[in-house]
Structures are given as structure tokens and as C-alpha cells.
PDB file of N, CA and C in Angstrom:
ATOM      1  N   MET A   1       7.745 -56.874  15.175  1.00  0.00           N
ATOM      2  CA  MET A   1       8.035 -56.207  13.924  1.00  0.00           C
ATOM      3  C   MET A   1       9.432 -56.607  13.504  1.00  0.00           C
ATOM      4  N   THR A   2       9.551 -56.950  12.249  1.00  0.00           N
ATOM      5  CA  THR A   2      10.863 -57.297  11.715  1.00  0.00           C
ATOM      6  C   THR A   2      11.562 -56.047  11.221  1.00  0.00           C
ATOM      7  N   GLY A   3      12.826 -56.179  10.887  1.00  0.00           N
ATOM      8  CA  GLY A   3      13.586 -55.048  10.377  1.00  0.00           C
ATOM      9  C   GLY A   3      13.142 -54.668   8.973  1.00  0.00           C
ATOM     10  N   ILE A   4      13.629 -53.536   8.504  1.00  0.00           N
ATOM     11  CA  ILE A   4      13.297 -53.059   7.169  1.00  0.00           C
ATOM     12  C   ILE A   4      13.958 -53.964   6.141  1.00  0.00           C
ATOM     13  N   GLN A   5      13.167 -54.436   5.206  1.00  0.00           N
ATOM     14  CA  GLN A   5      13.647 -55.309   4.146  1.00  0.00           C
ATOM     15  C   GLN A   5      13.972 -54.470   2.906  1.00  0.00           C
ATOM     16  N   PRO A   6      14.950 -54.870   2.110  1.00  0.00           N
ATOM     17  CA  PRO A   6      15.354 -54.084   0.943  1.00  0.00           C
ATOM     18  C   PRO A   6      14.245 -53.846  -0.071  1.00  0.00           C
ATOM     19  N   GLU A   7      13.267 -54.744  -0.176  1.00  0.00           N
ATOM     20  CA  GLU A   7      12.232 -54.603  -1.189  1.00  0.00           C
ATOM     21  C   GLU A   7      11.004 -53.817  -0.710  1.00  0.00           C
ATOM     22  N   GLN A   8      11.002 -53.332   0.517  1.00  0.00           N
ATOM     23  CA  GLN A   8       9.850 -52.633   1.074  1.00  0.00           C
ATOM     24  C   GLN A   8       9.775 -51.188   0.616  1.00  0.00           C
ATOM     25  N   ASN A   9       8.542 -50.738   0.341  1.00  0.00           N
ATOM     26  CA  ASN A   9       8.292 -49.308   0.234  1.00  0.00           C
ATOM     27  C   ASN A   9       8.143 -48.795   1.663  1.00  0.00           C
ATOM     28  N   LEU A  10       8.581 -47.580   1.901  1.00  0.00           N
ATOM     29  CA  LEU A  10       8.517 -46.998   3.238  1.00  0.00           C
ATOM     30  C   LEU A  10       7.868 -45.628   3.173  1.00  0.00           C
ATOM     31  N   SER A  11       7.246 -45.238   4.271  1.00  0.00           N
ATOM     32  CA  SER A  11       6.724 -43.883   4.394  1.00  0.00           C
ATOM     33  C   SER A  11       7.093 -43.344   5.771  1.00  0.00           C
ATOM     34  N   ALA A  12       7.222 -42.047   5.825  1.00  0.00           N
ATOM     35  CA  ALA A  12       7.534 -41.366   7.089  1.00  0.00           C
ATOM     36  C   ALA A  12       6.388 -40.409   7.408  1.00  0.00           C
ATOM     37  N   VAL A  13       5.925 -40.478   8.627  1.00  0.00           N
ATOM     38  CA  VAL A  13       4.891 -39.569   9.109  1.00  0.00           C
ATOM     39  C   VAL A  13       5.550 -38.662  10.136  1.00  0.00           C
ATOM     40  N   MET A  14       5.495 -37.377   9.892  1.00  0.00           N
ATOM     41  CA  MET A  14       6.007 -36.402  10.846  1.00  0.00           C
ATOM     42  C   MET A  14       4.800 -35.821  11.577  1.00  0.00           C
ATOM     43  N   LEU A  15       4.853 -35.804  12.902  1.00  0.00           N
ATOM     44  CA  LEU A  15       3.727 -35.374  13.718  1.00  0.00           C
ATOM     45  C   LEU A  15       4.145 -34.242  14.645  1.00  0.00           C
ATOM     46  N   ASP A  16       3.257 -33.291  14.815  1.00  0.00           N
ATOM     47  CA  ASP A  16       3.503 -32.150  15.695  1.00  0.00           C
ATOM     48  C   ASP A  16       2.329 -32.041  16.660  1.00  0.00           C
ATOM     49  N   LEU A  17       2.610 -32.180  17.926  1.00  0.00           N
ATOM     50  CA  LEU A  17       1.595 -32.115  18.971  1.00  0.00           C
ATOM     51  C   LEU A  17       1.189 -30.660  19.182  1.00  0.00           C
ATOM     52  N   ASN A  18      -0.070 -30.365  18.952  1.00  0.00           N
ATOM     53  CA  ASN A  18      -0.571 -28.993  19.115  1.00  0.00           C
ATOM     54  C   ASN A  18      -0.893 -28.714  20.580  1.00  0.00           C
ATOM     55  N   GLY A  19      -0.608 -27.502  21.029  1.00  0.00           N
ATOM     56  CA  GLY A  19      -1.040 -27.041  22.340  1.00  0.00           C
ATOM     57  C   GLY A  19      -0.140 -27.354  23.511  1.00  0.00           C
ATOM     58  N   LEU A  20       1.060 -27.869  23.264  1.00  0.00           N
ATOM     59  CA  LEU A  20       1.931 -28.218  24.392  1.00  0.00           C
ATOM     60  C   LEU A  20       2.342 -26.983  25.178  1.00  0.00           C
ATOM     61  N   LYS A  21       2.770 -25.937  24.509  1.00  0.00           N
ATOM     62  CA  LYS A  21       3.185 -24.710  25.204  1.00  0.00           C
ATOM     63  C   LYS A  21       2.016 -24.117  25.988  1.00  0.00           C
ATOM     64  N   LEU A  22       0.845 -24.108  25.373  1.00  0.00           N
ATOM     65  CA  LEU A  22      -0.341 -23.571  26.045  1.00  0.00           C
ATOM     66  C   LEU A  22      -0.671 -24.387  27.296  1.00  0.00           C
ATOM     67  N   ALA A  23      -0.596 -25.707  27.201  1.00  0.00           N
ATOM     68  CA  ALA A  23      -0.868 -26.558  28.373  1.00  0.00           C
ATOM     69  C   ALA A  23       0.144 -26.284  29.481  1.00  0.00           C
ATOM     70  N   ASN A  24       1.427 -26.189  29.114  1.00  0.00           N
ATOM     71  CA  ASN A  24       2.466 -25.901  30.109  1.00  0.00           C
ATOM     72  C   ASN A  24       2.250 -24.535  30.749  1.00  0.00           C
ATOM     73  N   ASP A  25       1.991 -23.524  29.929  1.00  0.00           N
ATOM     74  CA  ASP A  25       1.849 -22.147  30.437  1.00  0.00           C
ATOM     75  C   ASP A  25       0.567 -21.942  31.239  1.00  0.00           C
ATOM     76  N   THR A  26      -0.501 -22.625  30.853  1.00  0.00           N
ATOM     77  CA  THR A  26      -1.799 -22.420  31.503  1.00  0.00           C
ATOM     78  C   THR A  26      -1.967 -23.283  32.746  1.00  0.00           C
ATOM     79  N   TYR A  27      -1.605 -24.551  32.651  1.00  0.00           N
ATOM     80  CA  TYR A  27      -1.890 -25.485  33.738  1.00  0.00           C
ATOM     81  C   TYR A  27      -0.640 -26.042  34.411  1.00  0.00           C
ATOM     82  N   GLY A  28       0.527 -25.736  33.877  1.00  0.00           N
ATOM     83  CA  GLY A  28       1.765 -26.220  34.470  1.00  0.00           C
ATOM     84  C   GLY A  28       2.327 -27.413  33.723  1.00  0.00           C
ATOM     85  N   HIS A  29       3.540 -27.770  34.096  1.00  0.00           N
ATOM     86  CA  HIS A  29       4.250 -28.832  33.392  1.00  0.00           C
ATOM     87  C   HIS A  29       3.640 -30.214  33.612  1.00  0.00           C
ATOM     88  N   GLU A  30       2.895 -30.392  34.689  1.00  0.00           N
ATOM     89  CA  GLU A  30       2.184 -31.663  34.869  1.00  0.00           C
ATOM     90  C   GLU A  30       1.196 -31.863  33.726  1.00  0.00           C
ATOM     91  N   ALA A  31       0.510 -30.799  33.354  1.00  0.00           N
ATOM     92  CA  ALA A  31      -0.449 -30.878  32.244  1.00  0.00           C
ATOM     93  C   ALA A  31       0.274 -31.135  30.930  1.00  0.00           C
ATOM     94  N   GLY A  32       1.408 -30.470  30.725  1.00  0.00           N
ATOM     95  CA  GLY A  32       2.196 -30.697  29.512  1.00  0.00           C
ATOM     96  C   GLY A  32       2.705 -32.117  29.423  1.00  0.00           C
ATOM     97  N   ASP A  33       3.180 -32.647  30.544  1.00  0.00           N
ATOM     98  CA  ASP A  33       3.644 -34.035  30.572  1.00  0.00           C
ATOM     99  C   ASP A  33       2.497 -34.998  30.278  1.00  0.00           C
ATOM    100  N   GLU A  34       1.338 -34.703  30.853  1.00  0.00           N
ATOM    101  CA  GLU A  34       0.169 -35.543  30.598  1.00  0.00           C
ATOM    102  C   GLU A  34      -0.197 -35.510  29.114  1.00  0.00           C
ATOM    103  N   LEU A  35      -0.149 -34.342  28.503  1.00  0.00           N
ATOM    104  CA  LEU A  35      -0.468 -34.210  27.084  1.00  0.00           C
ATOM    105  C   LEU A  35       0.492 -35.041  26.237  1.00  0.00           C
ATOM    106  N   ILE A  36       1.771 -34.965  26.526  1.00  0.00           N
ATOM    107  CA  ILE A  36       2.768 -35.751  25.779  1.00  0.00           C
ATOM    108  C   ILE A  36       2.498 -37.240  25.942  1.00  0.00           C
ATOM    109  N   ASN A  37       2.248 -37.684  27.158  1.00  0.00           N
ATOM    110  CA  ASN A  37       2.006 -39.104  27.416  1.00  0.00           C
ATOM    111  C   ASN A  37       0.728 -39.601  26.741  1.00  0.00           C
ATOM    112  N   ILE A  38      -0.328 -38.802  26.801  1.00  0.00           N
ATOM    113  CA  ILE A  38      -1.581 -39.195  26.155  1.00  0.00           C
ATOM    114  C   ILE A  38      -1.396 -39.230  24.644  1.00  0.00           C
ATOM    115  N   ALA A  39      -0.707 -38.235  24.080  1.00  0.00           N
ATOM    116  CA  ALA A  39      -0.464 -38.210  22.637  1.00  0.00           C
ATOM    117  C   ALA A  39       0.351 -39.423  22.208  1.00  0.00           C
ATOM    118  N   ALA A  40       1.373 -39.761  22.978  1.00  0.00           N
ATOM    119  CA  ALA A  40       2.196 -40.932  22.654  1.00  0.00           C
ATOM    120  C   ALA A  40       1.358 -42.205  22.706  1.00  0.00           C
ATOM    121  N   ASP A  41       0.475 -42.305  23.675  1.00  0.00           N
ATOM    122  CA  ASP A  41      -0.405 -43.465  23.766  1.00  0.00           C
ATOM    123  C   ASP A  41      -1.342 -43.535  22.559  1.00  0.00           C
ATOM    124  N   CYS A  42      -1.863 -42.394  22.142  1.00  0.00           N
ATOM    125  CA  CYS A  42      -2.713 -42.347  20.939  1.00  0.00           C
ATOM    126  C   CYS A  42      -1.938 -42.829  19.720  1.00  0.00           C
ATOM    127  N   MET A  43      -0.695 -42.410  19.586  1.00  0.00           N
ATOM    128  CA  MET A  43       0.128 -42.828  18.454  1.00  0.00           C
ATOM    129  C   MET A  43       0.378 -44.324  18.488  1.00  0.00           C
ATOM    130  N   ARG A  44       0.688 -44.865  19.674  1.00  0.00           N
ATOM    131  CA  ARG A  44       0.928 -46.306  19.781  1.00  0.00           C
ATOM    132  C   ARG A  44      -0.309 -47.099  19.371  1.00  0.00           C
ATOM    133  N   LYS A  45      -1.484 -46.621  19.763  1.00  0.00           N
ATOM    134  CA  LYS A  45      -2.725 -47.309  19.406  1.00  0.00           C
ATOM    135  C   LYS A  45      -3.010 -47.195  17.908  1.00  0.00           C
ATOM    136  N   ALA A  46      -2.822 -46.018  17.351  1.00  0.00           N
ATOM    137  CA  ALA A  46      -3.139 -45.802  15.932  1.00  0.00           C
ATOM    138  C   ALA A  46      -2.149 -46.508  15.015  1.00  0.00           C
ATOM    139  N   PHE A  47      -0.880 -46.459  15.361  1.00  0.00           N
ATOM    140  CA  PHE A  47       0.169 -47.065  14.542  1.00  0.00           C
ATOM    141  C   PHE A  47       0.589 -48.412  15.141  1.00  0.00           C
ATOM    142  N   TYR A  48      -0.390 -49.219  15.484  1.00  0.00           N
ATOM    143  CA  TYR A  48      -0.150 -50.486  16.167  1.00  0.00           C
ATOM    144  C   TYR A  48       0.690 -51.466  15.352  1.00  0.00           C
ATOM    145  N   VAL A  49       0.811 -51.237  14.058  1.00  0.00           N
ATOM    146  CA  VAL A  49       1.552 -52.177  13.202  1.00  0.00           C
ATOM    147  C   VAL A  49       3.063 -51.973  13.258  1.00  0.00           C
ATOM    148  N   THR A  50       3.522 -50.929  13.905  1.00  0.00           N
ATOM    149  CA  THR A  50       4.962 -50.646  13.931  1.00  0.00           C
ATOM    150  C   THR A  50       5.429 -50.281  15.325  1.00  0.00           C
ATOM    151  N   ASP A  51       6.679 -50.580  15.594  1.00  0.00           N
ATOM    152  CA  ASP A  51       7.302 -50.112  16.831  1.00  0.00           C
ATOM    153  C   ASP A  51       8.287 -48.994  16.522  1.00  0.00           C
ATOM    154  N   ARG A  52       8.182 -48.425  15.322  1.00  0.00           N
ATOM    155  CA  ARG A  52       9.094 -47.354  14.903  1.00  0.00           C
ATOM    156  C   ARG A  52       8.412 -45.995  15.064  1.00  0.00           C
ATOM    157  N   ILE A  53       8.174 -45.629  16.316  1.00  0.00           N
ATOM    158  CA  ILE A  53       7.600 -44.336  16.673  1.00  0.00           C
ATOM    159  C   ILE A  53       8.646 -43.626  17.516  1.00  0.00           C
ATOM    160  N   TYR A  54       9.005 -42.420  17.106  1.00  0.00           N
ATOM    161  CA  TYR A  54      10.113 -41.716  17.746  1.00  0.00           C
ATOM    162  C   TYR A  54       9.697 -40.309  18.160  1.00  0.00           C
ATOM    163  N   ARG A  55      10.105 -39.900  19.347  1.00  0.00           N
ATOM    164  CA  ARG A  55       9.974 -38.497  19.746  1.00  0.00           C
ATOM    165  C   ARG A  55      11.266 -37.822  19.317  1.00  0.00           C
ATOM    166  N   ILE A  56      11.146 -36.838  18.424  1.00  0.00           N
ATOM    167  CA  ILE A  56      12.343 -36.213  17.865  1.00  0.00           C
ATOM    168  C   ILE A  56      12.542 -34.786  18.346  1.00  0.00           C
ATOM    169  N   GLY A  57      11.620 -34.281  19.145  1.00  0.00           N
ATOM    170  CA  GLY A  57      11.722 -32.938  19.694  1.00  0.00           C
ATOM    171  C   GLY A  57      10.714 -32.808  20.813  1.00  0.00           C
ATOM    172  N   GLY A  58      10.601 -31.626  21.369  1.00  0.00           N
ATOM    173  CA  GLY A  58       9.681 -31.404  22.482  1.00  0.00           C
ATOM    174  C   GLY A  58       8.256 -31.822  22.188  1.00  0.00           C
ATOM    175  N   ASP A  59       7.740 -31.405  21.032  1.00  0.00           N
ATOM    176  CA  ASP A  59       6.372 -31.752  20.658  1.00  0.00           C
ATOM    177  C   ASP A  59       6.311 -32.384  19.266  1.00  0.00           C
ATOM    178  N   GLU A  60       7.436 -32.911  18.814  1.00  0.00           N
ATOM    179  CA  GLU A  60       7.518 -33.485  17.476  1.00  0.00           C
ATOM    180  C   GLU A  60       7.842 -34.972  17.551  1.00  0.00           C
ATOM    181  N   PHE A  61       7.160 -35.726  16.685  1.00  0.00           N
ATOM    182  CA  PHE A  61       7.317 -37.169  16.629  1.00  0.00           C
ATOM    183  C   PHE A  61       7.460 -37.593  15.176  1.00  0.00           C
ATOM    184  N   ALA A  62       7.999 -38.786  14.963  1.00  0.00           N
ATOM    185  CA  ALA A  62       8.097 -39.362  13.624  1.00  0.00           C
ATOM    186  C   ALA A  62       7.735 -40.838  13.714  1.00  0.00           C
ATOM    187  N   VAL A  63       7.091 -41.322  12.657  1.00  0.00           N
ATOM    188  CA  VAL A  63       6.725 -42.725  12.555  1.00  0.00           C
ATOM    189  C   VAL A  63       7.197 -43.223  11.198  1.00  0.00           C
ATOM    190  N   ILE A  64       7.859 -44.349  11.172  1.00  0.00           N
ATOM    191  CA  ILE A  64       8.267 -44.995   9.928  1.00  0.00           C
ATOM    192  C   ILE A  64       7.333 -46.185   9.727  1.00  0.00           C
ATOM    193  N   LEU A  65       6.666 -46.199   8.568  1.00  0.00           N
ATOM    194  CA  LEU A  65       5.721 -47.268   8.255  1.00  0.00           C
ATOM    195  C   LEU A  65       6.157 -48.033   7.020  1.00  0.00           C
ATOM    196  N   ASP A  66       5.848 -49.307   6.980  1.00  0.00           N
ATOM    197  CA  ASP A  66       5.985 -50.083   5.768  1.00  0.00           C
ATOM    198  C   ASP A  66       4.864 -49.641   4.829  1.00  0.00           C
ATOM    199  N   GLY A  67       5.171 -49.494   3.554  1.00  0.00           N
ATOM    200  CA  GLY A  67       4.159 -49.125   2.577  1.00  0.00           C
ATOM    201  C   GLY A  67       4.317 -47.700   2.098  1.00  0.00           C
ATOM    202  N   THR A  68       3.415 -47.312   1.233  1.00  0.00           N
ATOM    203  CA  THR A  68       3.445 -45.988   0.613  1.00  0.00           C
ATOM    204  C   THR A  68       2.728 -44.965   1.488  1.00  0.00           C
ATOM    205  N   ALA A  69       2.785 -43.713   1.069  1.00  0.00           N
ATOM    206  CA  ALA A  69       2.073 -42.650   1.785  1.00  0.00           C
ATOM    207  C   ALA A  69       0.575 -42.919   1.781  1.00  0.00           C
ATOM    208  N   VAL A  70       0.052 -43.461   0.699  1.00  0.00           N
ATOM    209  CA  VAL A  70      -1.375 -43.792   0.621  1.00  0.00           C
ATOM    210  C   VAL A  70      -1.730 -44.865   1.643  1.00  0.00           C
ATOM    211  N   ASP A  71      -0.829 -45.810   1.859  1.00  0.00           N
ATOM    212  CA  ASP A  71      -1.060 -46.865   2.850  1.00  0.00           C
ATOM    213  C   ASP A  71      -1.147 -46.316   4.265  1.00  0.00           C
ATOM    214  N   ALA A  72      -0.573 -45.145   4.510  1.00  0.00           N
ATOM    215  CA  ALA A  72      -0.575 -44.542   5.844  1.00  0.00           C
ATOM    216  C   ALA A  72      -1.915 -43.887   6.187  1.00  0.00           C
ATOM    217  N   GLU A  73      -2.725 -43.573   5.186  1.00  0.00           N
ATOM    218  CA  GLU A  73      -3.958 -42.817   5.422  1.00  0.00           C
ATOM    219  C   GLU A  73      -4.910 -43.455   6.437  1.00  0.00           C
ATOM    220  N   PRO A  74      -5.167 -44.759   6.390  1.00  0.00           N
ATOM    221  CA  PRO A  74      -6.065 -45.329   7.413  1.00  0.00           C
ATOM    222  C   PRO A  74      -5.543 -45.168   8.840  1.00  0.00           C
ATOM    223  N   PHE A  75      -4.233 -45.234   8.996  1.00  0.00           N
ATOM    224  CA  PHE A  75      -3.641 -45.064  10.325  1.00  0.00           C
ATOM    225  C   PHE A  75      -3.814 -43.622  10.812  1.00  0.00           C
ATOM    226  N   LEU A  76      -3.721 -42.666   9.898  1.00  0.00           N
ATOM    227  CA  LEU A  76      -3.888 -41.257  10.263  1.00  0.00           C
ATOM    228  C   LEU A  76      -5.340 -40.953  10.627  1.00  0.00           C
ATOM    229  N   LYS A  77      -6.272 -41.554   9.917  1.00  0.00           N
ATOM    230  CA  LYS A  77      -7.694 -41.397  10.275  1.00  0.00           C
ATOM    231  C   LYS A  77      -7.963 -41.981  11.657  1.00  0.00           C
ATOM    232  N   GLU A  78      -7.352 -43.122  11.919  1.00  0.00           N
ATOM    233  CA  GLU A  78      -7.516 -43.744  13.235  1.00  0.00           C
ATOM    234  C   GLU A  78      -6.875 -42.872  14.319  1.00  0.00           C
ATOM    235  N   LEU A  79      -5.745 -42.273  14.025  1.00  0.00           N
ATOM    236  CA  LEU A  79      -5.102 -41.360  14.978  1.00  0.00           C
ATOM    237  C   LEU A  79      -6.035 -40.202  15.313  1.00  0.00           C
ATOM    238  N   ASP A  80      -6.640 -39.588  14.303  1.00  0.00           N
ATOM    239  CA  ASP A  80      -7.582 -38.487  14.541  1.00  0.00           C
ATOM    240  C   ASP A  80      -8.733 -38.933  15.437  1.00  0.00           C
ATOM    241  N   ARG A  81      -9.276 -40.122  15.173  1.00  0.00           N
ATOM    242  CA  ARG A  81     -10.404 -40.636  15.952  1.00  0.00           C
ATOM    243  C   ARG A  81      -9.999 -40.865  17.407  1.00  0.00           C
ATOM    244  N   ILE A  82      -8.865 -41.501  17.605  1.00  0.00           N
ATOM    245  CA  ILE A  82      -8.396 -41.804  18.959  1.00  0.00           C
ATOM    246  C   ILE A  82      -8.087 -40.515  19.722  1.00  0.00           C
ATOM    247  N   CYS A  83      -7.424 -39.576  19.063  1.00  0.00           N
ATOM    248  CA  CYS A  83      -7.051 -38.314  19.724  1.00  0.00           C
ATOM    249  C   CYS A  83      -8.274 -37.515  20.169  1.00  0.00           C
ATOM    250  N   ALA A  84      -9.325 -37.535  19.363  1.00  0.00           N
ATOM    251  CA  ALA A  84     -10.528 -36.761  19.699  1.00  0.00           C
ATOM    252  C   ALA A  84     -11.142 -37.224  21.015  1.00  0.00           C
ATOM    253  N   GLY A  85     -11.028 -38.502  21.329  1.00  0.00           N
ATOM    254  CA  GLY A  85     -11.610 -39.029  22.551  1.00  0.00           C
ATOM    255  C   GLY A  85     -10.647 -39.145  23.716  1.00  0.00           C
ATOM    256  N   ALA A  86      -9.414 -38.688  23.538  1.00  0.00           N
ATOM    257  CA  ALA A  86      -8.402 -38.822  24.592  1.00  0.00           C
ATOM    258  C   ALA A  86      -8.717 -37.890  25.756  1.00  0.00           C
ATOM    259  N   LYS A  87      -8.573 -38.408  26.969  1.00  0.00           N
ATOM    260  CA  LYS A  87      -8.858 -37.608  28.161  1.00  0.00           C
ATOM    261  C   LYS A  87      -7.860 -37.919  29.256  1.00  0.00           C
ATOM    262  N   GLY A  88      -7.628 -36.927  30.075  1.00  0.00           N
ATOM    263  CA  GLY A  88      -6.779 -37.082  31.237  1.00  0.00           C
ATOM    264  C   GLY A  88      -7.280 -36.161  32.330  1.00  0.00           C
ATOM    265  N   GLN A  89      -6.466 -35.946  33.335  1.00  0.00           N
ATOM    266  CA  GLN A  89      -6.839 -35.048  34.430  1.00  0.00           C
ATOM    267  C   GLN A  89      -6.925 -33.610  33.942  1.00  0.00           C
ATOM    268  N   TYR A  90      -5.987 -33.206  33.093  1.00  0.00           N
ATOM    269  CA  TYR A  90      -5.938 -31.843  32.580  1.00  0.00           C
ATOM    270  C   TYR A  90      -6.384 -31.753  31.118  1.00  0.00           C
ATOM    271  N   ILE A  91      -6.277 -32.833  30.412  1.00  0.00           N
ATOM    272  CA  ILE A  91      -6.419 -32.834  28.964  1.00  0.00           C
ATOM    273  C   ILE A  91      -7.729 -33.494  28.552  1.00  0.00           C
ATOM    274  N   GLU A  92      -8.426 -32.845  27.634  1.00  0.00           N
ATOM    275  CA  GLU A  92      -9.614 -33.446  27.025  1.00  0.00           C
ATOM    276  C   GLU A  92      -9.501 -33.256  25.524  1.00  0.00           C
ATOM    277  N   GLY A  93      -9.120 -34.310  24.858  1.00  0.00           N
ATOM    278  CA  GLY A  93      -8.893 -34.258  23.414  1.00  0.00           C
ATOM    279  C   GLY A  93      -7.462 -33.836  23.117  1.00  0.00           C
ATOM    280  N   VAL A  94      -6.919 -34.424  22.070  1.00  0.00           N
ATOM    281  CA  VAL A  94      -5.552 -34.143  21.649  1.00  0.00           C
ATOM    282  C   VAL A  94      -5.592 -33.775  20.178  1.00  0.00           C
ATOM    283  N   SER A  95      -4.819 -32.773  19.809  1.00  0.00           N
ATOM    284  CA  SER A  95      -4.729 -32.354  18.417  1.00  0.00           C
ATOM    285  C   SER A  95      -3.295 -32.543  17.936  1.00  0.00           C
ATOM    286  N   ILE A  96      -3.161 -33.298  16.840  1.00  0.00           N
ATOM    287  CA  ILE A  96      -1.841 -33.561  16.276  1.00  0.00           C
ATOM    288  C   ILE A  96      -1.875 -33.226  14.795  1.00  0.00           C
ATOM    289  N   ALA A  97      -0.987 -32.333  14.383  1.00  0.00           N
ATOM    290  CA  ALA A  97      -0.816 -32.033  12.962  1.00  0.00           C
ATOM    291  C   ALA A  97       0.198 -33.017  12.397  1.00  0.00           C
ATOM    292  N   TYR A  98       0.025 -33.401  11.128  1.00  0.00           N
ATOM    293  CA  TYR A  98       0.944 -34.375  10.558  1.00  0.00           C
ATOM    294  C   TYR A  98       1.075 -34.200   9.060  1.00  0.00           C
ATOM    295  N   GLY A  99       2.164 -34.748   8.567  1.00  0.00           N
ATOM    296  CA  GLY A  99       2.415 -34.826   7.137  1.00  0.00           C
ATOM    297  C   GLY A  99       3.045 -36.173   6.866  1.00  0.00           C
ATOM    298  N   VAL A 100       2.831 -36.692   5.670  1.00  0.00           N
ATOM    299  CA  VAL A 100       3.360 -38.015   5.339  1.00  0.00           C
ATOM    300  C   VAL A 100       3.978 -37.975   3.949  1.00  0.00           C
ATOM    301  N   ALA A 101       5.063 -38.692   3.805  1.00  0.00           N
ATOM    302  CA  ALA A 101       5.735 -38.814   2.511  1.00  0.00           C
ATOM    303  C   ALA A 101       6.228 -40.242   2.368  1.00  0.00           C
ATOM    304  N   GLY A 102       6.216 -40.721   1.141  1.00  0.00           N
ATOM    305  CA  GLY A 102       6.677 -42.078   0.883  1.00  0.00           C
ATOM    306  C   GLY A 102       7.838 -42.082  -0.078  1.00  0.00           C
ATOM    307  N   SER A 103       8.577 -43.162  -0.066  1.00  0.00           N
ATOM    308  CA  SER A 103       9.723 -43.305  -0.951  1.00  0.00           C
ATOM    309  C   SER A 103       9.457 -44.413  -1.951  1.00  0.00           C
ATOM    310  N   GLU A 104       9.774 -44.157  -3.184  1.00  0.00           N
ATOM    311  CA  GLU A 104       9.695 -45.201  -4.208  1.00  0.00           C
ATOM    312  C   GLU A 104      10.983 -46.017  -4.228  1.00  0.00           C
ATOM    313  N   GLU A 105      12.002 -45.549  -3.507  1.00  0.00           N
ATOM    314  CA  GLU A 105      13.246 -46.314  -3.375  1.00  0.00           C
ATOM    315  C   GLU A 105      13.022 -47.331  -2.268  1.00  0.00           C
ATOM    316  N   THR A 106      12.704 -48.552  -2.638  1.00  0.00           N
ATOM    317  CA  THR A 106      12.367 -49.554  -1.645  1.00  0.00           C
ATOM    318  C   THR A 106      13.524 -49.782  -0.677  1.00  0.00           C
ATOM    319  N   GLY A 107      13.144 -49.870   0.588  1.00  0.00           N
ATOM    320  CA  GLY A 107      14.116 -50.138   1.638  1.00  0.00           C
ATOM    321  C   GLY A 107      14.978 -48.961   2.034  1.00  0.00           C
ATOM    322  N   ASN A 108      14.740 -47.782   1.451  1.00  0.00           N
ATOM    323  CA  ASN A 108      15.572 -46.619   1.752  1.00  0.00           C
ATOM    324  C   ASN A 108      14.702 -45.464   2.220  1.00  0.00           C
ATOM    325  N   ILE A 109      14.759 -45.137   3.475  1.00  0.00           N
ATOM    326  CA  ILE A 109      13.952 -44.063   4.039  1.00  0.00           C
ATOM    327  C   ILE A 109      14.632 -42.703   3.914  1.00  0.00           C
ATOM    328  N   ASP A 110      15.926 -42.661   3.574  1.00  0.00           N
ATOM    329  CA  ASP A 110      16.664 -41.404   3.503  1.00  0.00           C
ATOM    330  C   ASP A 110      16.002 -40.343   2.615  1.00  0.00           C
ATOM    331  N   PRO A 111      15.545 -40.662   1.403  1.00  0.00           N
ATOM    332  CA  PRO A 111      14.924 -39.619   0.585  1.00  0.00           C
ATOM    333  C   PRO A 111      13.682 -39.019   1.225  1.00  0.00           C
ATOM    334  N   VAL A 112      12.936 -39.818   1.990  1.00  0.00           N
ATOM    335  CA  VAL A 112      11.735 -39.327   2.643  1.00  0.00           C
ATOM    336  C   VAL A 112      12.088 -38.419   3.807  1.00  0.00           C
ATOM    337  N   VAL A 113      12.974 -38.870   4.657  1.00  0.00           N
ATOM    338  CA  VAL A 113      13.357 -38.084   5.836  1.00  0.00           C
ATOM    339  C   VAL A 113      14.051 -36.800   5.414  1.00  0.00           C
ATOM    340  N   ASN A 114      14.814 -36.828   4.365  1.00  0.00           N
ATOM    341  CA  ASN A 114      15.521 -35.638   3.898  1.00  0.00           C
ATOM    342  C   ASN A 114      14.600 -34.571   3.345  1.00  0.00           C
ATOM    343  N   LEU A 115      13.321 -34.911   3.080  1.00  0.00           N
ATOM    344  CA  LEU A 115      12.359 -33.890   2.651  1.00  0.00           C
ATOM    345  C   LEU A 115      12.096 -32.874   3.765  1.00  0.00           C
ATOM    346  N   TRP A 116      12.272 -33.322   5.036  1.00  0.00           N
ATOM    347  CA  TRP A 116      12.042 -32.420   6.149  1.00  0.00           C
ATOM    348  C   TRP A 116      13.344 -31.841   6.524  1.00  0.00           C
TER     349      TRP A 116
END
């Protein structure tokens, strides 16, 4: 992946991993760690076009994509599909809530990120 070019439209996807506290409280931190790792793997597979995937909190992630918010929709559908089939020792299926916003200011992600 190359760096952000000045003429690019950009979008930011904010993701929230559902059920992390419940997994930790019910099955222990091994289950919570497994959930985070499986969710991250699902994100890497779904957003295969970018290496700009960031964990920004305990159960919160962000992805910066080239293109508009509409361009992000196929990747989000793929994320839902991949997460539904995700399995581990403790985890069967992953649920991730997300929101996406795009910037019309090409090459500048600040207006998008500042929405959150």
C-alpha cells in the first residue's frame, strides 16, 4: 500500500467489537483475548486492500480506506460475512458494530476523524 496521495478521497470506518466484556467476565481473559485476535483477523481479511487498520481502544478499531463512504460498503458486507463464520476455542461468531464517513477534501482525513 502506498501513502495517502493529495488527490485521494478518504473514508474512515470506526468499529466497535461487541461482547468483549461479556467474554472476559463469563469465560475469562483468554476468551477476551481470543475474541480480539479473531476480530482483528476478520478485519484484516475484509479490509485486505489497506494496511491502515488501527486498534484505538480496548474494543475499538479504526480503518482508513481510499475512496468514499459508498466505496467502503462492499468491505463492510464482507466483514459481516467473515465475522459470522469466525470460530475459536471460546468464540463462535463475532459481532462488530461500525460506522463510516468519507471526506470530500481529497487527501485530508482530519474532517472525517473529527466527526467522532
